[in-house]
């Protein structure tokens, strides 16, 4: 089992920046990739970014390229997502997820078998 705990959420003014963290524990050696997703009320969970755990290759949806940056610190078993130039539409619960198979398509929710509890990001205009 892998446990994931997100932190760093909060209320930020539009135009500001925020960095979220996700600390992994347990069978971290099994992690092949980590991802960030977000979900606003009444919407489906949306892919934000992912990184291959060992190679560091990163993945982003075209719609979010440029404002989001995912990074990882393998020594700390932690993955980060930095969000720049925050917009009201970025307001959501942000979840991190871990893929222990390495065979999934990075942008699909179903590719990840472990999830954190989520952290709220609120953007005020």
Protein backbone atom coordinates (compact mmCIF):
# COMPACT_ATOMS: atom_id res chain seq x y z
CA UNK A 1 0.00 0.00 0.00
CA UNK A 2 1.01 3.58 -0.64
CA UNK A 3 -0.32 6.46 1.42
CA UNK A 4 -0.45 9.96 -0.04
CA UNK A 5 -0.93 13.18 1.88
CA UNK A 6 -1.37 16.50 0.12
CA UNK A 7 -0.65 19.87 1.67
CA UNK A 8 -0.24 23.49 0.67
CA UNK A 9 -3.76 24.35 -0.38
CA UNK A 10 -5.42 27.55 0.68
CA UNK A 11 -6.91 30.80 -0.49
CA UNK A 12 -4.97 32.86 -3.02
CA UNK A 13 -5.76 35.96 -5.01
CA UNK A 14 -6.04 35.70 -8.76
CA UNK A 15 -2.66 36.20 -10.38
CA UNK A 16 -0.81 34.69 -7.46
CA UNK A 17 1.10 31.43 -7.19
CA UNK A 18 0.79 28.35 -5.05
CA UNK A 19 2.82 25.18 -4.55
CA UNK A 20 1.15 22.01 -3.43
CA UNK A 21 3.03 19.08 -1.96
CA UNK A 22 2.22 15.39 -1.85
CA UNK A 23 4.16 13.15 0.50
CA UNK A 24 4.16 9.42 -0.17
CA UNK A 25 4.75 6.72 2.42
CA UNK A 26 4.47 2.97 2.65
CA UNK A 27 5.55 0.90 -0.36
CA UNK A 28 7.04 3.88 -2.17
CA UNK A 29 9.46 1.64 -4.06
CA UNK A 30 6.47 0.43 -6.08
CA UNK A 31 5.65 3.90 -7.45
CA UNK A 32 6.18 4.25 -11.21
CA UNK A 33 4.47 7.59 -11.76
CA UNK A 34 2.77 10.34 -9.80
CA UNK A 35 0.02 12.59 -11.00
CA UNK A 36 -2.01 15.61 -9.99
CA UNK A 37 -5.69 15.95 -10.73
CA UNK A 38 -8.29 18.51 -9.72
CA UNK A 39 -12.03 18.47 -9.29
CA UNK A 40 -14.40 21.40 -9.01
CA UNK A 41 -17.96 20.93 -7.71
CA UNK A 42 -20.19 19.27 -10.26
CA UNK A 43 -17.36 18.38 -12.62
CA UNK A 44 -15.30 15.30 -13.40
CA UNK A 45 -11.80 14.89 -12.05
CA UNK A 46 -9.41 16.63 -14.43
CA UNK A 47 -5.80 15.73 -15.23
CA UNK A 48 -3.33 18.48 -14.29
CA UNK A 49 0.15 16.95 -14.57
CA UNK A 50 2.15 13.78 -14.09
CA UNK A 51 5.74 12.70 -13.75
CA UNK A 52 7.49 9.40 -14.20
CA UNK A 53 8.98 8.62 -10.83
CA UNK A 54 12.45 7.55 -11.97
CA UNK A 55 13.01 9.27 -15.30
CA UNK A 56 11.38 12.55 -14.29
CA UNK A 57 9.59 12.86 -17.60
CA UNK A 58 6.64 15.21 -17.23
CA UNK A 59 3.20 15.25 -18.79
CA UNK A 60 0.68 18.08 -19.05
CA UNK A 61 -2.60 18.59 -20.84
CA UNK A 62 -2.29 21.17 -23.62
CA UNK A 63 -4.84 23.39 -21.90
CA UNK A 64 -2.63 23.85 -18.81
CA UNK A 65 0.87 23.94 -20.27
CA UNK A 66 2.86 26.93 -19.16
CA UNK A 67 1.17 27.71 -15.84
CA UNK A 68 1.63 24.39 -14.07
CA UNK A 69 4.93 22.75 -13.18
CA UNK A 70 5.27 19.34 -11.60
CA UNK A 71 8.46 18.27 -9.86
CA UNK A 72 9.56 15.51 -7.53
CA UNK A 73 12.07 14.85 -4.81
CA UNK A 74 12.67 11.11 -4.75
CA UNK A 75 14.74 11.32 -1.57
CA UNK A 76 11.76 12.82 0.24
CA UNK A 77 9.18 10.71 -1.62
CA UNK A 78 7.41 13.95 -2.42
CA UNK A 79 5.90 15.39 -5.56
CA UNK A 80 5.01 19.04 -6.04
CA UNK A 81 2.79 21.03 -8.33
CA UNK A 82 3.39 24.73 -8.75
CA UNK A 83 0.54 26.79 -10.09
CA UNK A 84 1.33 30.23 -11.45
CA UNK A 85 -0.90 33.11 -12.48
CA UNK A 86 -3.85 31.55 -10.68
CA UNK A 87 -7.27 32.07 -12.23
CA UNK A 88 -10.71 31.69 -10.66
CA UNK A 89 -11.24 28.61 -12.81
CA UNK A 90 -8.29 26.94 -11.06
CA UNK A 91 -10.37 26.74 -7.90
CA UNK A 92 -10.88 23.07 -7.06
CA UNK A 93 -9.84 20.26 -4.80
CA UNK A 94 -6.43 19.07 -5.94
CA UNK A 95 -5.55 15.40 -5.60
CA UNK A 96 -2.29 13.59 -6.02
CA UNK A 97 -2.20 10.00 -7.19
CA UNK A 98 0.32 7.20 -7.57
CA UNK A 99 0.61 4.59 -10.29
CA UNK A 100 2.31 1.39 -9.21
CA UNK A 101 2.11 -0.41 -12.57
CA UNK A 102 3.65 2.08 -14.96
CA UNK A 103 1.43 0.81 -17.73
CA UNK A 104 -1.36 3.37 -17.49
CA UNK A 105 -1.98 6.39 -19.64
CA UNK A 106 -0.89 9.32 -17.52
CA UNK A 107 -3.95 11.53 -18.00
CA UNK A 108 -6.51 8.89 -17.03
CA UNK A 109 -7.91 8.61 -13.52
CA UNK A 110 -8.11 4.85 -13.93
CA UNK A 111 -4.33 4.61 -14.40
CA UNK A 112 -3.69 5.41 -10.73
CA UNK A 113 -4.27 3.02 -7.88
CA UNK A 114 -3.54 5.26 -4.89
CA UNK A 115 -5.05 8.65 -4.12
CA UNK A 116 -4.61 11.31 -1.49
CA UNK A 117 -7.47 12.96 0.35
CA UNK A 118 -7.20 16.19 -1.60
CA UNK A 119 -6.40 19.78 -0.71
CA UNK A 120 -8.64 22.75 -1.47
CA UNK A 121 -7.41 25.63 -3.60
CA UNK A 122 -9.57 28.74 -3.50
CA UNK A 123 -8.92 31.65 -5.86
CA UNK A 124 -10.39 35.06 -5.13
CA UNK A 125 -10.71 37.67 -7.83
